Amino acid sequence: MNIAAPADTAVQTDWPDAIYRTLKAHGVAQISYVPDAGHSRLIELSHADPAIATTVLTTEEEGVALSAGAWLGGDRAALLMQSSGVGNCVNMLSLLASCRFPFLTLVTMRGEWAEFNPWQIPMGKATAQAFEIMGVTVFRLEQPEDAEEVVSAACSLAFESDQPIAILIAQRMLGRKKWTETK
């Protein structure tokens, strides 16, 4: 068995482009990520842009360190991950609080609406609280038409006020995923 792409790909077409344009408008020059189907369009756009350095990570906490290093080097960075990877970052998030680095992460949620995989549910329920307990301000993106406004507000808080910000992208925006049979 494997996981199929989201069944409703029409849901995915507009908001990743709006997020990409907004990150560019706010000067984000580095994108790091652990591969995730929910971020696939945003990852494609970032790779196609020679002005954005992209880094594939082996684990999500590397992205926290990369974002801090980018800031020290004069760049703005964003970390893309899935909610299941947030637990991997908890210890590294203390770096942000101790050093007051700006931080922006966009998190595709699992374990919410129409989830088929019971292993995704516990971390999906704990994602916002894990961030909040580590001092990260959490925004939720629930509607595609709100993508530009939410990401712009998050960028302003992160990069102009040196705040750690997480945007949780509702699972419903990603479309329904399902198991498929392989032969």
N, C-alpha and C. Protein backbone atom coordinates (compact mmCIF):
# COMPACT_ATOMS: atom_id res chain seq x y z
N MET A 1 0.84 -1.18 0.00
CA MET A 1 0.00 0.00 0.00
C MET A 1 0.87 1.24 0.00
N ASN A 2 0.36 2.29 -0.59
CA ASN A 2 1.03 3.57 -0.53
C ASN A 2 -0.01 4.67 -0.43
N ILE A 3 0.45 5.88 -0.27
CA ILE A 3 -0.48 7.00 -0.13
C ILE A 3 -0.61 7.68 -1.48
N ALA A 4 -1.83 7.87 -1.90
CA ALA A 4 -2.09 8.57 -3.16
C ALA A 4 -2.03 10.08 -2.93
N ALA A 5 -1.85 10.78 -4.01
CA ALA A 5 -1.92 12.24 -3.94
C ALA A 5 -3.32 12.63 -3.49
N PRO A 6 -3.48 13.85 -2.98
CA PRO A 6 -4.81 14.27 -2.57
C PRO A 6 -5.82 14.08 -3.70
N ALA A 7 -6.99 13.57 -3.35
CA ALA A 7 -8.01 13.29 -4.34
C ALA A 7 -8.55 14.56 -4.98
N ASP A 8 -8.60 15.64 -4.25
CA ASP A 8 -9.13 16.89 -4.77
C ASP A 8 -7.98 17.85 -5.06
N THR A 9 -7.34 17.68 -6.22
CA THR A 9 -6.19 18.53 -6.54
C THR A 9 -6.61 19.96 -6.85
N ALA A 10 -7.87 20.20 -7.18
CA ALA A 10 -8.33 21.56 -7.41
C ALA A 10 -8.19 22.41 -6.16
N VAL A 11 -8.32 21.77 -4.99
CA VAL A 11 -8.18 22.48 -3.73
C VAL A 11 -6.78 23.06 -3.59
N GLN A 12 -5.79 22.39 -4.16
CA GLN A 12 -4.39 22.75 -3.97
C GLN A 12 -3.86 23.80 -4.94
N THR A 13 -4.57 24.24 -5.92
CA THR A 13 -3.97 25.00 -6.99
C THR A 13 -3.66 26.46 -6.68
N ASP A 14 -4.45 27.17 -5.92
CA ASP A 14 -4.26 28.61 -5.78
C ASP A 14 -3.47 29.04 -4.55
N TRP A 15 -3.75 28.47 -3.41
CA TRP A 15 -3.14 28.98 -2.18
C TRP A 15 -1.64 28.79 -2.13
N PRO A 16 -1.04 27.72 -2.66
CA PRO A 16 0.43 27.66 -2.63
C PRO A 16 1.08 28.79 -3.42
N ASP A 17 0.46 29.17 -4.53
CA ASP A 17 0.98 30.29 -5.32
C ASP A 17 0.91 31.59 -4.52
N ALA A 18 -0.21 31.78 -3.82
CA ALA A 18 -0.35 32.99 -2.99
C ALA A 18 0.68 33.00 -1.86
N ILE A 19 0.93 31.86 -1.26
CA ILE A 19 1.96 31.78 -0.21
C ILE A 19 3.32 32.11 -0.79
N TYR A 20 3.65 31.52 -1.92
CA TYR A 20 4.94 31.77 -2.57
C TYR A 20 5.13 33.26 -2.86
N ARG A 21 4.14 33.89 -3.48
CA ARG A 21 4.24 35.33 -3.79
C ARG A 21 4.42 36.16 -2.53
N THR A 22 3.73 35.78 -1.48
CA THR A 22 3.80 36.54 -0.23
C THR A 22 5.16 36.36 0.44
N LEU A 23 5.69 35.15 0.44
CA LEU A 23 7.04 34.94 0.99
C LEU A 23 8.07 35.76 0.22
N LYS A 24 7.95 35.76 -1.11
CA LYS A 24 8.86 36.56 -1.94
C LYS A 24 8.73 38.05 -1.61
N ALA A 25 7.51 38.54 -1.46
CA ALA A 25 7.27 39.95 -1.16
C ALA A 25 7.88 40.35 0.18
N HIS A 26 8.00 39.39 1.09
CA HIS A 26 8.59 39.67 2.40
C HIS A 26 10.08 39.31 2.46
N GLY A 27 10.68 39.05 1.33
CA GLY A 27 12.12 38.86 1.27
C GLY A 27 12.64 37.51 1.71
N VAL A 28 11.81 36.49 1.74
CA VAL A 28 12.29 35.16 2.10
C VAL A 28 13.20 34.66 0.98
N ALA A 29 14.43 34.32 1.33
CA ALA A 29 15.44 33.91 0.35
C ALA A 29 15.86 32.45 0.51
N GLN A 30 15.43 31.81 1.59
CA GLN A 30 15.78 30.41 1.81
C GLN A 30 14.54 29.63 2.26
N ILE A 31 14.35 28.47 1.65
CA ILE A 31 13.26 27.57 2.01
C ILE A 31 13.88 26.21 2.31
N SER A 32 13.58 25.67 3.48
CA SER A 32 14.02 24.31 3.80
C SER A 32 12.78 23.47 4.05
N TYR A 33 12.92 22.17 3.81
CA TYR A 33 11.75 21.30 3.93
C TYR A 33 12.14 19.84 4.01
N VAL A 34 11.28 19.08 4.67
CA VAL A 34 11.26 17.64 4.56
C VAL A 34 10.18 17.36 3.52
N PRO A 35 10.45 16.58 2.49
CA PRO A 35 9.46 16.39 1.42
C PRO A 35 8.07 16.03 1.96
N ASP A 36 7.07 16.69 1.40
CA ASP A 36 5.69 16.55 1.85
C ASP A 36 4.76 16.86 0.68
N ALA A 37 3.84 15.97 0.39
CA ALA A 37 2.91 16.18 -0.72
C ALA A 37 2.09 17.45 -0.54
N GLY A 38 1.75 17.80 0.68
CA GLY A 38 0.95 19.00 0.94
C GLY A 38 1.66 20.28 0.56
N HIS A 39 2.98 20.27 0.58
CA HIS A 39 3.77 21.45 0.20
C HIS A 39 4.35 21.33 -1.21
N SER A 40 3.95 20.32 -1.98
CA SER A 40 4.62 20.04 -3.25
C SER A 40 4.62 21.23 -4.21
N ARG A 41 3.52 21.92 -4.35
CA ARG A 41 3.48 23.07 -5.28
C ARG A 41 4.40 24.18 -4.79
N LEU A 42 4.38 24.49 -3.52
CA LEU A 42 5.26 25.53 -2.96
C LEU A 42 6.72 25.14 -3.12
N ILE A 43 7.03 23.88 -2.95
CA ILE A 43 8.40 23.39 -3.14
C ILE A 43 8.81 23.55 -4.60
N GLU A 44 7.93 23.18 -5.52
CA GLU A 44 8.22 23.33 -6.96
C GLU A 44 8.50 24.79 -7.32
N LEU A 45 7.66 25.70 -6.84
CA LEU A 45 7.84 27.13 -7.13
C LEU A 45 9.17 27.62 -6.58
N SER A 46 9.53 27.17 -5.38
CA SER A 46 10.78 27.60 -4.76
C SER A 46 11.99 27.09 -5.53
N HIS A 47 11.95 25.84 -5.95
CA HIS A 47 13.05 25.28 -6.73
C HIS A 47 13.21 25.98 -8.07
N ALA A 48 12.12 26.43 -8.66
CA ALA A 48 12.17 27.08 -9.97
C ALA A 48 12.69 28.52 -9.90
N ASP A 49 12.78 29.07 -8.71
CA ASP A 49 13.20 30.47 -8.52
C ASP A 49 14.68 30.52 -8.16
N PRO A 50 15.53 31.04 -9.04
CA PRO A 50 16.97 31.09 -8.74
C PRO A 50 17.31 32.03 -7.58
N ALA A 51 16.37 32.89 -7.19
CA ALA A 51 16.62 33.80 -6.07
C ALA A 51 16.35 33.16 -4.72
N ILE A 52 15.81 31.94 -4.72
CA ILE A 52 15.52 31.25 -3.47
C ILE A 52 16.41 30.02 -3.37
N ALA A 53 17.14 29.93 -2.26
CA ALA A 53 17.94 28.73 -1.98
C ALA A 53 17.03 27.72 -1.29
N THR A 54 17.00 26.51 -1.82
CA THR A 54 16.17 25.46 -1.22
C THR A 54 17.08 24.38 -0.64
N THR A 55 16.67 23.86 0.50
CA THR A 55 17.43 22.81 1.16
C THR A 55 16.49 21.69 1.58
N VAL A 56 16.78 20.49 1.12
CA VAL A 56 16.02 19.31 1.54
C VAL A 56 16.64 18.83 2.84
N LEU A 57 15.81 18.62 3.85
CA LEU A 57 16.27 18.22 5.17
C LEU A 57 16.06 16.73 5.40
N THR A 58 16.86 16.16 6.29
CA THR A 58 16.62 14.78 6.69
C THR A 58 15.69 14.71 7.89
N THR A 59 15.62 15.79 8.64
CA THR A 59 14.70 15.87 9.78
C THR A 59 14.37 17.35 10.03
N GLU A 60 13.20 17.59 10.58
CA GLU A 60 12.66 18.94 10.68
C GLU A 60 13.49 19.88 11.55
N GLU A 61 14.09 19.36 12.62
CA GLU A 61 14.82 20.28 13.50
C GLU A 61 16.02 20.91 12.81
N GLU A 62 16.54 20.27 11.77
CA GLU A 62 17.61 20.89 10.98
C GLU A 62 17.13 22.22 10.39
N GLY A 63 15.86 22.29 10.05
CA GLY A 63 15.30 23.52 9.48
C GLY A 63 15.24 24.66 10.47
N VAL A 64 15.06 24.35 11.74
CA VAL A 64 15.08 25.41 12.77
C VAL A 64 16.49 26.01 12.81
N ALA A 65 17.50 25.15 12.85
CA ALA A 65 18.89 25.63 12.87
C ALA A 65 19.24 26.37 11.59
N LEU A 66 18.79 25.86 10.45
CA LEU A 66 19.06 26.53 9.18
C LEU A 66 18.43 27.92 9.15
N SER A 67 17.22 28.04 9.67
CA SER A 67 16.56 29.35 9.72
C SER A 67 17.33 30.33 10.59
N ALA A 68 17.84 29.86 11.72
CA ALA A 68 18.64 30.72 12.60
C ALA A 68 19.93 31.14 11.89
N GLY A 69 20.58 30.20 11.24
CA GLY A 69 21.80 30.51 10.51
C GLY A 69 21.56 31.47 9.36
N ALA A 70 20.44 31.30 8.66
CA ALA A 70 20.09 32.22 7.57
C ALA A 70 19.97 33.64 8.11
N TRP A 71 19.29 33.80 9.25
CA TRP A 71 19.11 35.12 9.84
C TRP A 71 20.46 35.73 10.22
N LEU A 72 21.32 34.94 10.81
CA LEU A 72 22.65 35.44 11.18
C LEU A 72 23.46 35.85 9.94
N GLY A 73 23.18 35.19 8.82
CA GLY A 73 23.86 35.51 7.57
C GLY A 73 23.17 36.58 6.74
N GLY A 74 22.10 37.16 7.27
CA GLY A 74 21.43 38.25 6.58
C GLY A 74 20.26 37.85 5.69
N ASP A 75 19.82 36.60 5.75
CA ASP A 75 18.69 36.14 4.95
C ASP A 75 17.47 35.85 5.82
N ARG A 76 16.33 35.86 5.17
CA ARG A 76 15.09 35.41 5.78
C ARG A 76 14.79 34.01 5.25
N ALA A 77 14.33 33.15 6.13
CA ALA A 77 14.08 31.75 5.75
C ALA A 77 12.71 31.31 6.23
N ALA A 78 12.20 30.28 5.58
CA ALA A 78 10.96 29.62 6.01
C ALA A 78 11.18 28.12 5.98
N LEU A 79 10.62 27.45 6.96
CA LEU A 79 10.68 26.00 7.08
C LEU A 79 9.32 25.43 6.74
N LEU A 80 9.29 24.47 5.80
CA LEU A 80 8.05 23.77 5.43
C LEU A 80 8.09 22.38 6.04
N MET A 81 7.03 22.00 6.73
CA MET A 81 6.97 20.66 7.29
C MET A 81 5.53 20.22 7.49
N GLN A 82 5.37 18.96 7.82
CA GLN A 82 4.08 18.37 8.14
C GLN A 82 3.95 18.32 9.65
N SER A 83 2.73 18.30 10.15
CA SER A 83 2.50 18.29 11.60
C SER A 83 3.19 17.13 12.29
N SER A 84 3.35 16.01 11.62
CA SER A 84 4.00 14.86 12.25
C SER A 84 5.47 15.15 12.57
N GLY A 85 6.06 16.15 11.96
CA GLY A 85 7.46 16.50 12.22
C GLY A 85 7.66 17.52 13.32
N VAL A 86 6.59 18.11 13.80
CA VAL A 86 6.71 19.16 14.83
C VAL A 86 7.33 18.60 16.11
N GLY A 87 6.96 17.41 16.48
CA GLY A 87 7.52 16.80 17.69
C GLY A 87 9.03 16.66 17.62
N ASN A 88 9.56 16.50 16.41
CA ASN A 88 11.02 16.40 16.26
C ASN A 88 11.74 17.71 16.58
N CYS A 89 11.01 18.81 16.55
CA CYS A 89 11.61 20.14 16.68
C CYS A 89 11.59 20.72 18.09
N VAL A 90 10.89 20.12 19.01
CA VAL A 90 10.62 20.76 20.30
C VAL A 90 11.91 21.21 20.99
N ASN A 91 12.89 20.36 21.09
CA ASN A 91 14.13 20.75 21.77
C ASN A 91 14.84 21.89 21.03
N MET A 92 14.86 21.84 19.71
CA MET A 92 15.53 22.87 18.93
C MET A 92 14.80 24.22 19.00
N LEU A 93 13.50 24.19 19.24
CA LEU A 93 12.75 25.44 19.35
C LEU A 93 13.22 26.29 20.53
N SER A 94 13.88 25.67 21.51
CA SER A 94 14.41 26.45 22.63
C SER A 94 15.49 27.43 22.16
N LEU A 95 16.17 27.13 21.06
CA LEU A 95 17.15 28.04 20.48
C LEU A 95 16.50 29.38 20.13
N LEU A 96 15.30 29.32 19.60
CA LEU A 96 14.61 30.55 19.20
C LEU A 96 14.30 31.44 20.39
N ALA A 97 13.83 30.83 21.45
CA ALA A 97 13.50 31.60 22.65
C ALA A 97 14.75 32.16 23.31
N SER A 98 15.80 31.36 23.38
CA SER A 98 17.03 31.80 24.05
C SER A 98 17.73 32.90 23.29
N CYS A 99 17.73 32.81 21.97
CA CYS A 99 18.48 33.77 21.15
C CYS A 99 17.61 34.81 20.48
N ARG A 100 16.32 34.69 20.63
CA ARG A 100 15.35 35.63 20.05
C ARG A 100 15.51 35.78 18.54
N PHE A 101 15.65 34.64 17.87
CA PHE A 101 15.72 34.62 16.42
C PHE A 101 14.31 34.70 15.85
N PRO A 102 14.14 35.40 14.74
CA PRO A 102 12.85 35.30 14.04
C PRO A 102 12.75 33.90 13.42
N PHE A 103 11.55 33.40 13.30
CA PHE A 103 11.35 32.06 12.77
C PHE A 103 9.98 31.99 12.13
N LEU A 104 9.93 31.38 10.94
CA LEU A 104 8.66 31.18 10.25
C LEU A 104 8.60 29.76 9.73
N THR A 105 7.56 29.05 10.11
CA THR A 105 7.33 27.71 9.58
C THR A 105 5.90 27.59 9.10
N LEU A 106 5.74 26.89 8.00
CA LEU A 106 4.42 26.58 7.45
C LEU A 106 4.23 25.08 7.59
N VAL A 107 3.16 24.69 8.28
CA VAL A 107 2.96 23.30 8.66
C VAL A 107 1.67 22.78 8.06
N THR A 108 1.79 21.77 7.19
CA THR A 108 0.59 21.12 6.68
C THR A 108 0.10 20.14 7.75
N MET A 109 -1.17 20.25 8.06
CA MET A 109 -1.73 19.46 9.15
C MET A 109 -2.18 18.09 8.68
N ARG A 110 -2.00 17.12 9.56
CA ARG A 110 -2.54 15.77 9.43
C ARG A 110 -3.27 15.48 10.74
N GLY A 111 -4.06 14.42 10.73
CA GLY A 111 -4.77 14.03 11.94
C GLY A 111 -6.02 14.84 12.20
N GLU A 112 -6.48 15.56 11.20
CA GLU A 112 -7.68 16.38 11.35
C GLU A 112 -8.77 15.85 10.42
N TRP A 113 -9.29 16.70 9.62
CA TRP A 113 -10.42 16.45 8.72
C TRP A 113 -10.14 15.27 7.79
N ALA A 114 -11.01 14.27 7.83
CA ALA A 114 -10.98 13.12 6.93
C ALA A 114 -9.66 12.34 6.96
N GLU A 115 -8.99 12.32 8.09
CA GLU A 115 -7.72 11.59 8.19
C GLU A 115 -7.99 10.10 8.08
N PHE A 116 -7.19 9.41 7.29
CA PHE A 116 -7.33 7.97 7.13
C PHE A 116 -6.30 7.19 7.95
N ASN A 117 -5.26 7.86 8.41
CA ASN A 117 -4.16 7.18 9.07
C ASN A 117 -4.19 7.48 10.58
N PRO A 118 -4.55 6.52 11.42
CA PRO A 118 -4.68 6.79 12.85
C PRO A 118 -3.36 7.22 13.50
N TRP A 119 -2.21 6.90 12.89
CA TRP A 119 -0.92 7.28 13.45
C TRP A 119 -0.68 8.78 13.37
N GLN A 120 -1.42 9.47 12.51
CA GLN A 120 -1.26 10.93 12.36
C GLN A 120 -2.07 11.72 13.39
N ILE A 121 -3.05 11.10 14.00
CA ILE A 121 -3.98 11.84 14.85
C ILE A 121 -3.35 12.40 16.13
N PRO A 122 -2.57 11.64 16.90
CA PRO A 122 -2.03 12.22 18.14
C PRO A 122 -1.20 13.49 17.93
N MET A 123 -0.27 13.49 16.97
CA MET A 123 0.54 14.69 16.76
C MET A 123 -0.29 15.80 16.13
N GLY A 124 -1.27 15.43 15.30
CA GLY A 124 -2.16 16.45 14.76
C GLY A 124 -2.88 17.20 15.86
N LYS A 125 -3.31 16.47 16.89
CA LYS A 125 -3.98 17.11 18.02
C LYS A 125 -3.02 17.94 18.87
N ALA A 126 -1.75 17.56 18.93
CA ALA A 126 -0.79 18.22 19.82
C ALA A 126 0.04 19.31 19.15
N THR A 127 -0.07 19.48 17.84
CA THR A 127 0.82 20.40 17.12
C THR A 127 0.77 21.82 17.67
N ALA A 128 -0.40 22.41 17.73
CA ALA A 128 -0.51 23.80 18.19
C ALA A 128 0.03 23.95 19.61
N GLN A 129 -0.32 23.02 20.49
CA GLN A 129 0.13 23.11 21.88
C GLN A 129 1.64 22.92 21.99
N ALA A 130 2.22 22.05 21.17
CA ALA A 130 3.68 21.86 21.20
C ALA A 130 4.39 23.17 20.85
N PHE A 131 3.91 23.83 19.81
CA PHE A 131 4.49 25.12 19.45
C PHE A 131 4.30 26.15 20.57
N GLU A 132 3.07 26.26 21.06
CA GLU A 132 2.76 27.28 22.06
C GLU A 132 3.56 27.10 23.34
N ILE A 133 3.73 25.86 23.78
CA ILE A 133 4.48 25.62 25.02
C ILE A 133 5.95 26.02 24.86
N MET A 134 6.44 26.04 23.61
CA MET A 134 7.82 26.44 23.32
C MET A 134 7.92 27.92 22.94
N GLY A 135 6.81 28.66 23.10
CA GLY A 135 6.84 30.10 22.87
C GLY A 135 6.63 30.53 21.43
N VAL A 136 6.16 29.64 20.58
CA VAL A 136 5.91 29.95 19.18
C VAL A 136 4.45 30.37 19.03
N THR A 137 4.23 31.52 18.40
CA THR A 137 2.87 31.99 18.12
C THR A 137 2.31 31.19 16.96
N VAL A 138 1.06 30.75 17.10
CA VAL A 138 0.44 29.88 16.11
C VAL A 138 -0.69 30.62 15.40
N PHE A 139 -0.64 30.61 14.07
CA PHE A 139 -1.73 31.07 13.22
C PHE A 139 -2.30 29.84 12.53
N ARG A 140 -3.60 29.88 12.22
CA ARG A 140 -4.22 28.81 11.43
C ARG A 140 -4.68 29.38 10.10
N LEU A 141 -4.40 28.64 9.05
CA LEU A 141 -4.88 28.98 7.72
C LEU A 141 -5.95 27.95 7.36
N GLU A 142 -7.18 28.38 7.37
CA GLU A 142 -8.32 27.48 7.17
C GLU A 142 -8.94 27.59 5.78
N GLN A 143 -8.81 28.76 5.14
CA GLN A 143 -9.45 29.01 3.86
C GLN A 143 -8.42 29.46 2.83
N PRO A 144 -8.44 28.92 1.62
CA PRO A 144 -7.46 29.28 0.60
C PRO A 144 -7.39 30.79 0.33
N GLU A 145 -8.54 31.44 0.36
CA GLU A 145 -8.56 32.88 0.07
C GLU A 145 -7.88 33.72 1.14
N ASP A 146 -7.58 33.15 2.30
CA ASP A 146 -6.91 33.87 3.38
C ASP A 146 -5.39 33.70 3.36
N ALA A 147 -4.86 32.93 2.42
CA ALA A 147 -3.44 32.58 2.43
C ALA A 147 -2.54 33.82 2.43
N GLU A 148 -2.78 34.74 1.53
CA GLU A 148 -1.91 35.93 1.44
C GLU A 148 -1.95 36.74 2.73
N GLU A 149 -3.13 36.98 3.26
CA GLU A 149 -3.28 37.80 4.46
C GLU A 149 -2.62 37.14 5.68
N VAL A 150 -2.85 35.85 5.87
CA VAL A 150 -2.28 35.15 7.03
C VAL A 150 -0.76 35.07 6.92
N VAL A 151 -0.24 34.72 5.75
CA VAL A 151 1.21 34.59 5.59
C VAL A 151 1.88 35.96 5.71
N SER A 152 1.27 36.99 5.18
CA SER A 152 1.83 38.34 5.30
C SER A 152 1.91 38.78 6.77
N ALA A 153 0.84 38.54 7.51
CA ALA A 153 0.84 38.90 8.93
C ALA A 153 1.90 38.11 9.69
N ALA A 154 2.05 36.84 9.37
CA ALA A 154 3.05 35.99 10.02
C ALA A 154 4.46 36.48 9.69
N CYS A 155 4.71 36.82 8.43
CA CYS A 155 6.03 37.32 8.03
C CYS A 155 6.37 38.62 8.77
N SER A 156 5.40 39.51 8.86
CA SER A 156 5.63 40.78 9.57
C SER A 156 6.01 40.54 11.03
N LEU A 157 5.26 39.68 11.70
CA LEU A 157 5.58 39.38 13.10
C LEU A 157 6.93 38.69 13.24
N ALA A 158 7.20 37.75 12.38
CA ALA A 158 8.46 37.01 12.48
C ALA A 158 9.66 37.91 12.20
N PHE A 159 9.66 38.56 11.06
CA PHE A 159 10.86 39.24 10.59
C PHE A 159 11.00 40.69 11.05
N GLU A 160 9.91 41.32 11.45
CA GLU A 160 9.99 42.71 11.92
C GLU A 160 9.97 42.80 13.44
N SER A 161 9.49 41.74 14.10
CA SER A 161 9.43 41.75 15.56
C SER A 161 10.23 40.63 16.19
N ASP A 162 11.04 39.92 15.39
CA ASP A 162 11.88 38.83 15.89
C ASP A 162 11.10 37.81 16.70
N GLN A 163 10.01 37.33 16.12
CA GLN A 163 9.14 36.38 16.81
C GLN A 163 9.16 35.02 16.09
N PRO A 164 9.01 33.94 16.84
CA PRO A 164 8.81 32.63 16.20
C PRO A 164 7.33 32.42 15.89
N ILE A 165 7.04 32.12 14.63
CA ILE A 165 5.65 32.01 14.16
C ILE A 165 5.48 30.70 13.40
N ALA A 166 4.38 30.01 13.68
CA ALA A 166 4.00 28.81 12.93
C ALA A 166 2.63 29.04 12.31
N ILE A 167 2.52 28.74 11.03
CA ILE A 167 1.23 28.77 10.34
C ILE A 167 0.80 27.32 10.13
N LEU A 168 -0.32 26.95 10.72
CA LEU A 168 -0.85 25.60 10.56
C LEU A 168 -1.87 25.63 9.42
N ILE A 169 -1.57 24.90 8.36
CA ILE A 169 -2.43 24.86 7.18
C ILE A 169 -3.40 23.69 7.35
N ALA A 170 -4.68 24.01 7.47
CA ALA A 170 -5.71 23.01 7.75
C ALA A 170 -5.67 21.86 6.74
N GLN A 171 -5.86 20.65 7.25
CA GLN A 171 -5.84 19.47 6.41
C GLN A 171 -6.91 19.55 5.31
N ARG A 172 -8.00 20.19 5.59
CA ARG A 172 -9.07 20.30 4.60
C ARG A 172 -8.60 21.04 3.35
N MET A 173 -7.66 21.97 3.48
CA MET A 173 -7.13 22.69 2.32
C MET A 173 -6.28 21.80 1.43
N LEU A 174 -5.77 20.71 1.98
CA LEU A 174 -4.90 19.81 1.22
C LEU A 174 -5.68 18.83 0.36
N GLY A 175 -6.92 18.63 0.69
CA GLY A 175 -7.73 17.62 -0.01
C GLY A 175 -7.62 16.29 0.71
N ARG A 176 -8.49 15.41 0.39
CA ARG A 176 -8.58 14.10 1.03
C ARG A 176 -7.49 13.17 0.52
N LYS A 177 -6.76 12.54 1.43
CA LYS A 177 -5.77 11.53 1.07
C LYS A 177 -6.37 10.16 1.37
N LYS A 178 -5.91 9.14 0.65
CA LYS A 178 -6.43 7.81 0.91
C LYS A 178 -5.35 6.78 0.57
N TRP A 179 -5.49 5.61 1.16
CA TRP A 179 -4.62 4.48 0.84
C TRP A 179 -4.96 3.99 -0.55
N THR A 180 -3.97 3.54 -1.28
CA THR A 180 -4.20 2.90 -2.57
C THR A 180 -3.49 1.57 -2.60
N GLU A 181 -4.01 0.66 -3.34
CA GLU A 181 -3.40 -0.66 -3.50
C GLU A 181 -2.33 -0.58 -4.56
N THR A 182 -1.18 -1.21 -4.31
CA THR A 182 -0.14 -1.33 -5.33
C THR A 182 -0.10 -2.77 -5.78
N LYS A 183 0.21 -2.97 -7.02
CA LYS A 183 0.25 -4.34 -7.56
C LYS A 183 1.62 -4.66 -8.07
